[in-house]
Amino acid sequence: MKSLAVVAALFLTVGSVSAQQKIGHINYAEIFTATADYLKAEEELKALDSVKTGELQSMFNEYQKKRSEAQDMLMNRSEANKAEIDPQLQALDIEIQDFERRLQEVQQIAEQEIGQKQQELFTPIHQKVGTAIQSVAAEKGYAYVFDISSTNIPYFQGGEDITNDIKIKLGIAVD
């Protein structure tokens, strides 16, 4: 009987301790996109994307010219000139296929470069925001902090929104 009373007391103690744990929530996406570093990174990514898009567009324009040239040759092909035109068309077809392959390669490389640059620029920002979240949560005694912008939390009631506290910690102006 004594052990039952001890277990019951322990259970009630643990229950009251866990009931006192503070729960907070943040909007990580809002914080992340409000940082000055994010805005600079976005500008840098847009500039890189613009350069890569320009390179691809230039290549695509050249590709279109080659295809148009091949179509013109094909339309002007006749029995009288087919001996001359057919070898030119075959050579142009090989050139077009090579161009398509290079265009795909350049596009893949551009996407990889942009992805790597994005990771290079955003990783330090994620770390900085993560550190601020941990710091504010520890300072305010939170046991749990949920991210309502990406975590699947279909419902929450209560808890404290500490988004603005994180923004202040990061030096971001609060509305």
N, C-alpha and C. Protein backbone atom coordinates (compact mmCIF):
# COMPACT_ATOMS: atom_id res chain seq x y z
N MET A 1 0.81 -1.19 0.00
CA MET A 1 0.00 0.00 0.00
C MET A 1 0.86 1.26 0.00
N LYS A 2 1.98 1.15 0.73
CA LYS A 2 2.88 2.29 0.80
C LYS A 2 3.47 2.60 -0.58
N SER A 3 3.83 1.55 -1.33
CA SER A 3 4.40 1.76 -2.66
C SER A 3 3.38 2.36 -3.60
N LEU A 4 2.12 2.03 -3.44
CA LEU A 4 1.06 2.61 -4.26
C LEU A 4 0.93 4.10 -3.98
N ALA A 5 1.05 4.49 -2.75
CA ALA A 5 0.97 5.90 -2.38
C ALA A 5 2.16 6.67 -2.93
N VAL A 6 3.34 6.06 -2.92
CA VAL A 6 4.55 6.71 -3.47
C VAL A 6 4.41 6.89 -4.98
N VAL A 7 3.93 5.85 -5.66
CA VAL A 7 3.73 5.92 -7.11
C VAL A 7 2.71 7.00 -7.44
N ALA A 8 1.62 7.07 -6.69
CA ALA A 8 0.59 8.08 -6.92
C ALA A 8 1.15 9.48 -6.69
N ALA A 9 1.94 9.66 -5.65
CA ALA A 9 2.54 10.96 -5.36
C ALA A 9 3.51 11.35 -6.47
N LEU A 10 4.31 10.39 -6.91
CA LEU A 10 5.25 10.65 -8.00
C LEU A 10 4.51 11.03 -9.27
N PHE A 11 3.45 10.32 -9.57
CA PHE A 11 2.65 10.59 -10.77
C PHE A 11 2.07 11.99 -10.71
N LEU A 12 1.53 12.38 -9.57
CA LEU A 12 0.96 13.71 -9.42
C LEU A 12 2.03 14.79 -9.51
N THR A 13 3.21 14.52 -8.96
CA THR A 13 4.31 15.48 -9.03
C THR A 13 4.77 15.67 -10.47
N VAL A 14 4.96 14.56 -11.19
CA VAL A 14 5.38 14.65 -12.59
C VAL A 14 4.31 15.36 -13.41
N GLY A 15 3.04 15.05 -13.13
CA GLY A 15 1.94 15.69 -13.84
C GLY A 15 1.93 17.18 -13.63
N SER A 16 2.16 17.64 -12.40
CA SER A 16 2.13 19.07 -12.14
C SER A 16 3.35 19.76 -12.71
N VAL A 17 4.50 19.08 -12.75
CA VAL A 17 5.70 19.67 -13.35
C VAL A 17 5.49 19.84 -14.85
N SER A 18 4.97 18.78 -15.51
CA SER A 18 4.79 18.88 -16.96
C SER A 18 3.70 19.89 -17.30
N ALA A 19 2.72 20.07 -16.40
CA ALA A 19 1.68 21.04 -16.66
C ALA A 19 2.22 22.46 -16.59
N GLN A 20 3.34 22.65 -15.93
CA GLN A 20 3.92 23.98 -15.79
C GLN A 20 4.89 24.33 -16.90
N GLN A 21 5.18 23.40 -17.77
CA GLN A 21 6.11 23.68 -18.86
C GLN A 21 5.47 24.68 -19.83
N LYS A 22 6.28 25.64 -20.24
CA LYS A 22 5.79 26.68 -21.13
C LYS A 22 5.90 26.21 -22.58
N ILE A 23 4.88 26.55 -23.33
CA ILE A 23 4.85 26.22 -24.75
C ILE A 23 4.70 27.52 -25.52
N GLY A 24 5.53 27.66 -26.52
CA GLY A 24 5.45 28.85 -27.37
C GLY A 24 5.39 28.44 -28.83
N HIS A 25 5.08 29.40 -29.67
CA HIS A 25 5.08 29.13 -31.10
C HIS A 25 5.64 30.34 -31.84
N ILE A 26 6.17 30.06 -33.01
CA ILE A 26 6.75 31.10 -33.86
C ILE A 26 6.29 30.89 -35.28
N ASN A 27 6.49 31.90 -36.08
CA ASN A 27 6.31 31.78 -37.52
C ASN A 27 7.71 31.91 -38.12
N TYR A 28 8.37 30.77 -38.29
CA TYR A 28 9.76 30.75 -38.74
C TYR A 28 9.91 31.43 -40.09
N ALA A 29 9.00 31.15 -41.01
CA ALA A 29 9.10 31.74 -42.35
C ALA A 29 9.06 33.26 -42.28
N GLU A 30 8.21 33.78 -41.43
CA GLU A 30 8.11 35.24 -41.26
C GLU A 30 9.42 35.82 -40.73
N ILE A 31 9.99 35.14 -39.76
CA ILE A 31 11.25 35.61 -39.17
C ILE A 31 12.36 35.53 -40.22
N PHE A 32 12.48 34.38 -40.85
CA PHE A 32 13.55 34.14 -41.81
C PHE A 32 13.53 35.15 -42.95
N THR A 33 12.35 35.39 -43.51
CA THR A 33 12.25 36.30 -44.65
C THR A 33 12.34 37.77 -44.25
N ALA A 34 12.26 38.05 -42.95
CA ALA A 34 12.36 39.44 -42.49
C ALA A 34 13.81 39.85 -42.19
N THR A 35 14.73 38.90 -42.20
CA THR A 35 16.12 39.25 -41.89
C THR A 35 16.76 40.02 -43.04
N ALA A 36 17.65 40.93 -42.70
CA ALA A 36 18.37 41.69 -43.72
C ALA A 36 19.23 40.76 -44.57
N ASP A 37 19.78 39.72 -43.94
CA ASP A 37 20.60 38.76 -44.67
C ASP A 37 19.78 38.04 -45.75
N TYR A 38 18.53 37.74 -45.42
CA TYR A 38 17.67 37.07 -46.40
C TYR A 38 17.43 37.98 -47.60
N LEU A 39 17.14 39.23 -47.34
CA LEU A 39 16.87 40.17 -48.43
C LEU A 39 18.08 40.31 -49.34
N LYS A 40 19.28 40.36 -48.75
CA LYS A 40 20.51 40.43 -49.55
C LYS A 40 20.71 39.14 -50.35
N ALA A 41 20.46 38.02 -49.71
CA ALA A 41 20.61 36.72 -50.37
C ALA A 41 19.64 36.60 -51.54
N GLU A 42 18.41 37.04 -51.35
CA GLU A 42 17.41 36.99 -52.41
C GLU A 42 17.85 37.83 -53.61
N GLU A 43 18.39 39.01 -53.34
CA GLU A 43 18.88 39.87 -54.43
C GLU A 43 20.01 39.19 -55.19
N GLU A 44 20.92 38.57 -54.44
CA GLU A 44 22.04 37.89 -55.06
C GLU A 44 21.56 36.69 -55.89
N LEU A 45 20.60 35.96 -55.37
CA LEU A 45 20.05 34.82 -56.12
C LEU A 45 19.31 35.28 -57.37
N LYS A 46 18.57 36.36 -57.26
CA LYS A 46 17.85 36.89 -58.43
C LYS A 46 18.84 37.32 -59.51
N ALA A 47 19.93 37.95 -59.10
CA ALA A 47 20.94 38.38 -60.06
C ALA A 47 21.58 37.18 -60.76
N LEU A 48 21.93 36.16 -59.98
CA LEU A 48 22.50 34.94 -60.56
C LEU A 48 21.51 34.26 -61.50
N ASP A 49 20.25 34.19 -61.07
CA ASP A 49 19.21 33.59 -61.90
C ASP A 49 19.05 34.37 -63.21
N SER A 50 19.11 35.67 -63.12
CA SER A 50 18.99 36.51 -64.31
C SER A 50 20.13 36.26 -65.29
N VAL A 51 21.34 36.13 -64.77
CA VAL A 51 22.50 35.85 -65.62
C VAL A 51 22.34 34.50 -66.30
N LYS A 52 21.99 33.49 -65.52
CA LYS A 52 21.83 32.13 -66.06
C LYS A 52 20.68 32.07 -67.07
N THR A 53 19.60 32.77 -66.78
CA THR A 53 18.46 32.81 -67.70
C THR A 53 18.88 33.48 -69.01
N GLY A 54 19.66 34.54 -68.92
CA GLY A 54 20.15 35.22 -70.12
C GLY A 54 21.03 34.31 -70.97
N GLU A 55 21.90 33.56 -70.31
CA GLU A 55 22.77 32.62 -71.03
C GLU A 55 21.93 31.56 -71.74
N LEU A 56 20.97 31.01 -71.02
CA LEU A 56 20.10 29.99 -71.61
C LEU A 56 19.26 30.55 -72.75
N GLN A 57 18.76 31.76 -72.58
CA GLN A 57 17.94 32.38 -73.62
C GLN A 57 18.77 32.61 -74.88
N SER A 58 20.00 33.02 -74.71
CA SER A 58 20.89 33.23 -75.85
C SER A 58 21.13 31.92 -76.60
N MET A 59 21.38 30.86 -75.83
CA MET A 59 21.58 29.55 -76.46
C MET A 59 20.30 29.08 -77.15
N PHE A 60 19.17 29.30 -76.51
CA PHE A 60 17.90 28.87 -77.08
C PHE A 60 17.60 29.62 -78.38
N ASN A 61 17.92 30.91 -78.42
CA ASN A 61 17.73 31.70 -79.64
C ASN A 61 18.56 31.13 -80.78
N GLU A 62 19.78 30.76 -80.48
CA GLU A 62 20.66 30.16 -81.48
C GLU A 62 20.09 28.82 -81.95
N TYR A 63 19.60 28.07 -81.01
CA TYR A 63 18.98 26.77 -81.31
C TYR A 63 17.78 26.97 -82.24
N GLN A 64 16.95 27.96 -81.94
CA GLN A 64 15.78 28.25 -82.77
C GLN A 64 16.19 28.64 -84.20
N LYS A 65 17.28 29.39 -84.32
CA LYS A 65 17.77 29.77 -85.66
C LYS A 65 18.16 28.53 -86.46
N LYS A 66 18.84 27.60 -85.80
CA LYS A 66 19.25 26.36 -86.46
C LYS A 66 18.03 25.56 -86.91
N ARG A 67 17.04 25.48 -86.06
CA ARG A 67 15.81 24.73 -86.40
C ARG A 67 15.09 25.41 -87.56
N SER A 68 15.04 26.73 -87.52
CA SER A 68 14.40 27.49 -88.60
C SER A 68 15.14 27.28 -89.92
N GLU A 69 16.45 27.29 -89.83
CA GLU A 69 17.28 27.05 -91.02
C GLU A 69 17.00 25.67 -91.60
N ALA A 70 16.89 24.68 -90.74
CA ALA A 70 16.60 23.32 -91.20
C ALA A 70 15.20 23.24 -91.82
N GLN A 71 14.23 23.92 -91.22
CA GLN A 71 12.88 23.91 -91.78
C GLN A 71 12.84 24.59 -93.15
N ASP A 72 13.56 25.69 -93.28
CA ASP A 72 13.63 26.38 -94.58
C ASP A 72 14.25 25.48 -95.65
N MET A 73 15.33 24.79 -95.28
CA MET A 73 15.98 23.88 -96.23
C MET A 73 15.02 22.76 -96.65
N LEU A 74 14.31 22.25 -95.68
CA LEU A 74 13.38 21.16 -95.95
C LEU A 74 12.24 21.63 -96.85
N MET A 75 11.75 22.83 -96.62
CA MET A 75 10.67 23.37 -97.44
C MET A 75 11.13 23.64 -98.87
N ASN A 76 12.39 24.00 -99.04
CA ASN A 76 12.94 24.32 -100.37
C ASN A 76 13.57 23.11 -101.05
N ARG A 77 13.47 21.98 -100.42
CA ARG A 77 14.05 20.75 -100.98
C ARG A 77 13.17 20.27 -102.13
N SER A 78 13.81 19.89 -103.20
CA SER A 78 13.08 19.36 -104.35
C SER A 78 13.88 18.21 -104.94
N GLU A 79 13.31 17.56 -105.93
CA GLU A 79 14.02 16.46 -106.61
C GLU A 79 15.30 16.98 -107.25
N ALA A 80 15.27 18.20 -107.72
CA ALA A 80 16.41 18.76 -108.42
C ALA A 80 17.59 19.06 -107.48
N ASN A 81 17.30 19.47 -106.23
CA ASN A 81 18.40 19.86 -105.33
C ASN A 81 18.59 18.92 -104.15
N LYS A 82 17.88 17.80 -104.12
CA LYS A 82 17.94 16.93 -102.94
C LYS A 82 19.33 16.34 -102.73
N ALA A 83 20.07 16.11 -103.76
CA ALA A 83 21.43 15.57 -103.61
C ALA A 83 22.33 16.57 -102.87
N GLU A 84 22.07 17.83 -103.08
CA GLU A 84 22.85 18.87 -102.41
C GLU A 84 22.29 19.17 -101.01
N ILE A 85 20.97 19.21 -100.86
CA ILE A 85 20.30 19.60 -99.62
C ILE A 85 20.34 18.49 -98.56
N ASP A 86 20.15 17.23 -98.96
CA ASP A 86 20.08 16.14 -97.98
C ASP A 86 21.32 16.05 -97.08
N PRO A 87 22.53 16.10 -97.63
CA PRO A 87 23.71 16.06 -96.74
C PRO A 87 23.76 17.27 -95.80
N GLN A 88 23.34 18.42 -96.29
CA GLN A 88 23.32 19.62 -95.44
C GLN A 88 22.29 19.46 -94.31
N LEU A 89 21.14 18.88 -94.66
CA LEU A 89 20.10 18.64 -93.65
C LEU A 89 20.58 17.64 -92.60
N GLN A 90 21.27 16.59 -93.04
CA GLN A 90 21.79 15.61 -92.09
C GLN A 90 22.80 16.25 -91.13
N ALA A 91 23.68 17.06 -91.69
CA ALA A 91 24.69 17.75 -90.86
C ALA A 91 24.00 18.71 -89.89
N LEU A 92 23.01 19.41 -90.38
CA LEU A 92 22.28 20.36 -89.53
C LEU A 92 21.49 19.62 -88.44
N ASP A 93 20.94 18.47 -88.78
CA ASP A 93 20.21 17.67 -87.80
C ASP A 93 21.14 17.22 -86.67
N ILE A 94 22.33 16.80 -87.02
CA ILE A 94 23.32 16.40 -86.01
C ILE A 94 23.69 17.59 -85.14
N GLU A 95 23.86 18.72 -85.78
CA GLU A 95 24.20 19.96 -85.06
C GLU A 95 23.07 20.35 -84.10
N ILE A 96 21.83 20.21 -84.54
CA ILE A 96 20.67 20.55 -83.70
C ILE A 96 20.59 19.60 -82.51
N GLN A 97 20.79 18.30 -82.74
CA GLN A 97 20.76 17.34 -81.64
C GLN A 97 21.86 17.64 -80.62
N ASP A 98 23.04 17.99 -81.12
CA ASP A 98 24.14 18.36 -80.22
C ASP A 98 23.78 19.61 -79.43
N PHE A 99 23.15 20.55 -80.09
CA PHE A 99 22.73 21.79 -79.44
C PHE A 99 21.72 21.50 -78.34
N GLU A 100 20.76 20.60 -78.61
CA GLU A 100 19.76 20.23 -77.61
C GLU A 100 20.43 19.62 -76.38
N ARG A 101 21.41 18.75 -76.61
CA ARG A 101 22.13 18.12 -75.51
C ARG A 101 22.88 19.16 -74.68
N ARG A 102 23.59 20.07 -75.37
CA ARG A 102 24.33 21.12 -74.65
C ARG A 102 23.39 22.04 -73.90
N LEU A 103 22.25 22.35 -74.49
CA LEU A 103 21.26 23.21 -73.84
C LEU A 103 20.76 22.57 -72.55
N GLN A 104 20.47 21.27 -72.58
CA GLN A 104 20.04 20.57 -71.37
C GLN A 104 21.15 20.55 -70.32
N GLU A 105 22.38 20.32 -70.75
CA GLU A 105 23.50 20.30 -69.81
C GLU A 105 23.68 21.66 -69.15
N VAL A 106 23.64 22.71 -69.94
CA VAL A 106 23.81 24.06 -69.40
C VAL A 106 22.68 24.39 -68.43
N GLN A 107 21.46 23.96 -68.77
CA GLN A 107 20.33 24.21 -67.87
C GLN A 107 20.51 23.46 -66.55
N GLN A 108 20.94 22.21 -66.61
CA GLN A 108 21.17 21.44 -65.38
C GLN A 108 22.27 22.06 -64.53
N ILE A 109 23.35 22.47 -65.18
CA ILE A 109 24.46 23.09 -64.46
C ILE A 109 24.00 24.40 -63.81
N ALA A 110 23.21 25.18 -64.54
CA ALA A 110 22.69 26.44 -64.00
C ALA A 110 21.82 26.19 -62.77
N GLU A 111 20.95 25.17 -62.86
CA GLU A 111 20.09 24.85 -61.72
C GLU A 111 20.93 24.40 -60.51
N GLN A 112 21.97 23.62 -60.77
CA GLN A 112 22.84 23.18 -59.68
C GLN A 112 23.56 24.36 -59.05
N GLU A 113 24.07 25.26 -59.89
CA GLU A 113 24.78 26.43 -59.37
C GLU A 113 23.86 27.29 -58.52
N ILE A 114 22.64 27.48 -58.98
CA ILE A 114 21.68 28.30 -58.23
C ILE A 114 21.33 27.60 -56.91
N GLY A 115 21.14 26.29 -56.95
CA GLY A 115 20.84 25.53 -55.74
C GLY A 115 21.98 25.60 -54.74
N GLN A 116 23.21 25.46 -55.23
CA GLN A 116 24.37 25.54 -54.34
C GLN A 116 24.51 26.94 -53.75
N LYS A 117 24.28 27.94 -54.57
CA LYS A 117 24.38 29.32 -54.09
C LYS A 117 23.30 29.60 -53.05
N GLN A 118 22.10 29.07 -53.29
CA GLN A 118 21.02 29.25 -52.34
C GLN A 118 21.38 28.61 -51.00
N GLN A 119 21.92 27.41 -51.05
CA GLN A 119 22.32 26.74 -49.82
C GLN A 119 23.44 27.51 -49.12
N GLU A 120 24.39 27.98 -49.90
CA GLU A 120 25.52 28.74 -49.35
C GLU A 120 25.03 30.02 -48.66
N LEU A 121 24.05 30.67 -49.26
CA LEU A 121 23.55 31.93 -48.70
C LEU A 121 22.57 31.74 -47.55
N PHE A 122 21.72 30.70 -47.64
CA PHE A 122 20.66 30.53 -46.65
C PHE A 122 21.09 29.75 -45.41
N THR A 123 22.08 28.88 -45.51
CA THR A 123 22.50 28.09 -44.35
C THR A 123 22.91 28.97 -43.16
N PRO A 124 23.75 29.99 -43.37
CA PRO A 124 24.10 30.83 -42.21
C PRO A 124 22.90 31.57 -41.62
N ILE A 125 21.93 31.91 -42.46
CA ILE A 125 20.74 32.60 -41.97
C ILE A 125 19.92 31.64 -41.11
N HIS A 126 19.76 30.39 -41.59
CA HIS A 126 19.03 29.39 -40.79
C HIS A 126 19.72 29.19 -39.44
N GLN A 127 21.04 29.14 -39.46
CA GLN A 127 21.78 28.95 -38.21
C GLN A 127 21.58 30.13 -37.27
N LYS A 128 21.63 31.32 -37.82
CA LYS A 128 21.46 32.53 -37.02
C LYS A 128 20.06 32.58 -36.40
N VAL A 129 19.04 32.28 -37.19
CA VAL A 129 17.67 32.28 -36.68
C VAL A 129 17.50 31.17 -35.64
N GLY A 130 18.05 29.99 -35.92
CA GLY A 130 17.98 28.88 -34.97
C GLY A 130 18.60 29.22 -33.63
N THR A 131 19.74 29.87 -33.68
CA THR A 131 20.42 30.29 -32.45
C THR A 131 19.57 31.29 -31.68
N ALA A 132 18.95 32.24 -32.39
CA ALA A 132 18.10 33.23 -31.72
C ALA A 132 16.88 32.55 -31.09
N ILE A 133 16.31 31.59 -31.78
CA ILE A 133 15.15 30.87 -31.23
C ILE A 133 15.54 30.15 -29.95
N GLN A 134 16.65 29.44 -29.99
CA GLN A 134 17.11 28.72 -28.81
C GLN A 134 17.40 29.68 -27.66
N SER A 135 18.00 30.80 -27.97
CA SER A 135 18.34 31.77 -26.95
C SER A 135 17.09 32.35 -26.28
N VAL A 136 16.12 32.78 -27.08
CA VAL A 136 14.90 33.37 -26.53
C VAL A 136 14.12 32.31 -25.75
N ALA A 137 14.05 31.10 -26.29
CA ALA A 137 13.32 30.02 -25.61
C ALA A 137 13.95 29.73 -24.25
N ALA A 138 15.28 29.69 -24.20
CA ALA A 138 15.97 29.43 -22.93
C ALA A 138 15.77 30.60 -21.96
N GLU A 139 15.88 31.83 -22.46
CA GLU A 139 15.71 33.01 -21.61
C GLU A 139 14.31 33.06 -20.98
N LYS A 140 13.31 32.67 -21.76
CA LYS A 140 11.93 32.77 -21.29
C LYS A 140 11.41 31.48 -20.68
N GLY A 141 12.25 30.45 -20.65
CA GLY A 141 11.88 29.20 -19.99
C GLY A 141 10.90 28.33 -20.74
N TYR A 142 10.97 28.32 -22.06
CA TYR A 142 10.06 27.48 -22.84
C TYR A 142 10.60 26.06 -22.94
N ALA A 143 9.71 25.10 -22.74
CA ALA A 143 10.07 23.70 -22.91
C ALA A 143 9.89 23.30 -24.38
N TYR A 144 8.93 23.91 -25.06
CA TYR A 144 8.64 23.60 -26.45
C TYR A 144 8.36 24.89 -27.20
N VAL A 145 8.86 24.95 -28.43
CA VAL A 145 8.53 26.05 -29.34
C VAL A 145 8.19 25.40 -30.68
N PHE A 146 6.97 25.62 -31.12
CA PHE A 146 6.50 25.04 -32.39
C PHE A 146 6.56 26.08 -33.50
N ASP A 147 6.88 25.62 -34.68
CA ASP A 147 6.88 26.49 -35.86
C ASP A 147 5.55 26.31 -36.57
N ILE A 148 4.70 27.32 -36.49
CA ILE A 148 3.38 27.20 -37.08
C ILE A 148 3.39 27.43 -38.59
N SER A 149 4.53 27.86 -39.14
CA SER A 149 4.58 28.10 -40.58
C SER A 149 4.84 26.83 -41.38
N SER A 150 5.43 25.82 -40.76
CA SER A 150 5.73 24.63 -41.55
C SER A 150 5.37 23.32 -40.87
N THR A 151 5.27 23.31 -39.58
CA THR A 151 4.95 22.08 -38.88
C THR A 151 3.46 21.80 -39.05
N ASN A 152 3.12 20.55 -39.20
CA ASN A 152 1.73 20.19 -39.34
C ASN A 152 1.06 20.20 -37.97
N ILE A 153 0.57 21.35 -37.60
CA ILE A 153 -0.16 21.50 -36.33
C ILE A 153 -1.57 21.94 -36.73
N PRO A 154 -2.48 20.98 -36.85
CA PRO A 154 -3.81 21.34 -37.34
C PRO A 154 -4.59 22.24 -36.38
N TYR A 155 -4.19 22.24 -35.12
CA TYR A 155 -4.90 23.08 -34.16
C TYR A 155 -3.96 23.39 -33.01
N PHE A 156 -4.01 24.61 -32.56
CA PHE A 156 -3.32 24.94 -31.32
C PHE A 156 -4.10 26.04 -30.62
N GLN A 157 -4.13 25.94 -29.34
CA GLN A 157 -4.82 26.93 -28.52
C GLN A 157 -3.88 27.24 -27.37
N GLY A 158 -3.62 28.47 -27.17
CA GLY A 158 -2.75 28.84 -26.08
C GLY A 158 -1.31 28.89 -26.54
N GLY A 159 -0.44 28.82 -25.57
CA GLY A 159 0.97 29.02 -25.88
C GLY A 159 1.19 30.49 -26.18
N GLU A 160 2.42 30.87 -26.21
CA GLU A 160 2.74 32.28 -26.43
C GLU A 160 3.46 32.42 -27.76
N ASP A 161 3.05 33.39 -28.56
CA ASP A 161 3.71 33.66 -29.83
C ASP A 161 4.96 34.47 -29.54
N ILE A 162 6.11 33.88 -29.78
CA ILE A 162 7.38 34.58 -29.49
C ILE A 162 8.09 35.00 -30.77
N THR A 163 7.34 35.07 -31.87
CA THR A 163 7.90 35.49 -33.15
C THR A 163 8.57 36.86 -33.02
N ASN A 164 7.86 37.81 -32.41
CA ASN A 164 8.42 39.16 -32.28
C ASN A 164 9.65 39.18 -31.38
N ASP A 165 9.68 38.33 -30.35
CA ASP A 165 10.86 38.26 -29.48
C ASP A 165 12.09 37.81 -30.27
N ILE A 166 11.88 36.85 -31.18
CA ILE A 166 12.99 36.36 -32.01
C ILE A 166 13.43 37.46 -32.96
N LYS A 167 12.45 38.17 -33.55
CA LYS A 167 12.79 39.28 -34.45
C LYS A 167 13.63 40.33 -33.72
N ILE A 168 13.22 40.66 -32.51
CA ILE A 168 13.95 41.67 -31.72
C ILE A 168 15.37 41.17 -31.45
N LYS A 169 15.51 39.89 -31.12
CA LYS A 169 16.83 39.31 -30.85
C LYS A 169 17.72 39.42 -32.08
N LEU A 170 17.11 39.32 -33.26
CA LEU A 170 17.86 39.41 -34.51
C LEU A 170 18.01 40.84 -35.03
N GLY A 171 17.42 41.80 -34.32
CA GLY A 171 17.53 43.19 -34.74
C GLY A 171 16.57 43.57 -35.86
N ILE A 172 15.48 42.82 -35.98
CA ILE A 172 14.49 43.08 -37.02
C ILE A 172 13.39 43.96 -36.43
N ALA A 173 12.98 44.96 -37.17
CA ALA A 173 11.89 45.84 -36.71
C ALA A 173 10.60 45.04 -36.57
N VAL A 174 9.91 45.29 -35.48
CA VAL A 174 8.65 44.60 -35.20
C VAL A 174 7.49 45.53 -35.53
N ASP A 175 6.46 44.96 -36.17
CA ASP A 175 5.29 45.76 -36.56
C ASP A 175 4.56 46.30 -35.38
